[in-house]
Structure formats: C-alpha cells, structure tokens
Amino acid sequence: MTEALAPDKQRGISIVIPLFPEFCLLDVSGPLTLLNALEEEITVTLVSENASAVISEQGVSLMTEADFNDDLFCDLLLVPGGKGVKASLNNPQLLQWISRQGRKARICCAVCTGSALLAQAGLLDHKAATTSKHQYHWVSELNHNVQWQPVARWVQDENTFTASGTAAGLDMSLGLIAFLMGEEAARKVAIDAEYLWRNDPDDDPFAPLHLVE
C-alpha cells in the first residue's frame, strides 16, 4: 500500500463523506462497496449539517453521525455529486468544512459534480480534474485555477481523484485501489464485483457530451 495512505494498523483507514440534500446515492455506495476490498479495517463517517438523516436524490435517506462543526481525522475524503450540489454551493459552512477536512486528508476524491464542491473549497487549485459531462460547462466556470479536463473518465493528480460521472466513480475507485495496492488487486476487485473496469482514465466514450449545454 502506498505511503500516501499508509494507515495506523490499529485504527485502519478512515473515510469521511459529507452529505447534503439530494446527493447521489450511487456516488456514495458504489465507491464504498469497492473500497471495502482494501486489506485494512475501514471506518466510514457520514457528515451533514445537523448530524441527522439526509435524503438522496433517489429518495433513500442515510443517517449521519457528525456535523460540519466536527473536526475529524480523515485518511480519505469522498465528496459525492447529485442534484443538490448547486444549492450546496451556497452553503458556506459545508464549503468551509470540506476545505478544512480536505487540506488534512491524505487523499481527496470527488464523483461527478462533487468536483464542483472541491473546486469551490479551493482543493483543486492548480490541479487537473474532471466532472460530469452534462454539467461540464457550469462546473468548469466555477474556478479558473483548476485545469479542467473535458476528455477523461477520471483524473488523478497526485493524491486527488475526480470522476467524470456517477458510473465513472466506480472506475475511479478501482483506479484508487490500483494506486494503493497495485493493478492486480484492482482487477481482482472488479472481477469479484463482475464489473468491466475501464482502467484507462483517458478512455472516455462519453467525451462528446462535454459539448452539451
């Protein structure tokens, strides 16, 4: 496992995920399902504004256990996208919390429009990143210090990972596992999940959609 996420053997790996109204459920459950294959004990902390249940855009609620006043230890910060991202960009408490947590996280990840929240929090400054093809135009206008990539299934820039869309979050998660444990481990996880991993981050069959307004 790479030193970037070398865990304390006693506490394992800490994954922290902020939730907001109308987050995308698969952006959370998909990566967690695959990352659970890491050969370390994993703890997941879901965080919201009031440490209460948050309803996803799919109508399923998840209960959170911490709020945006909490300062948490964080190996991996995972930020989902979803219909609620635009409204959440106007939530300074959320953005300040993401900025604070992301700057001390060993790895930052965002799925789909979750990259908009990372960008607004200043965590993508001078980094390469991508986002949802259907939302590419407005997200890429949020922060001109980001090197937005219109043609990418996912993008890794050092210890920051961003995925272009919800399903691409699965490919990104396997890319993260490859980064941490090697490509053979990632392929095994994909096979066990019966998932056809698009392992080349530049192999982007949906690239023409970045022209969609």
Foldseek 3Di string as FASTA:
>chain_A
DDPLLDDDQVPWAEEEEEDAAAFAPLLPVLLVLLVVLPPGDYDYAYEYAVQAWHAHVVGDIDGGHYYLVDDDAHQEYEYTHGPCPVVCLPVVSVLCSCLRNVVRHSAYEYEALSVLSCVSSVNQFCHEWEHALQCGPVSCVSHVRHNYDLQWQWDDDPRYIYGHHSVSSNLRSLLVCCVVPNNVSSVVSCVVVVHDHPNGGRPHPCSVSNPHD
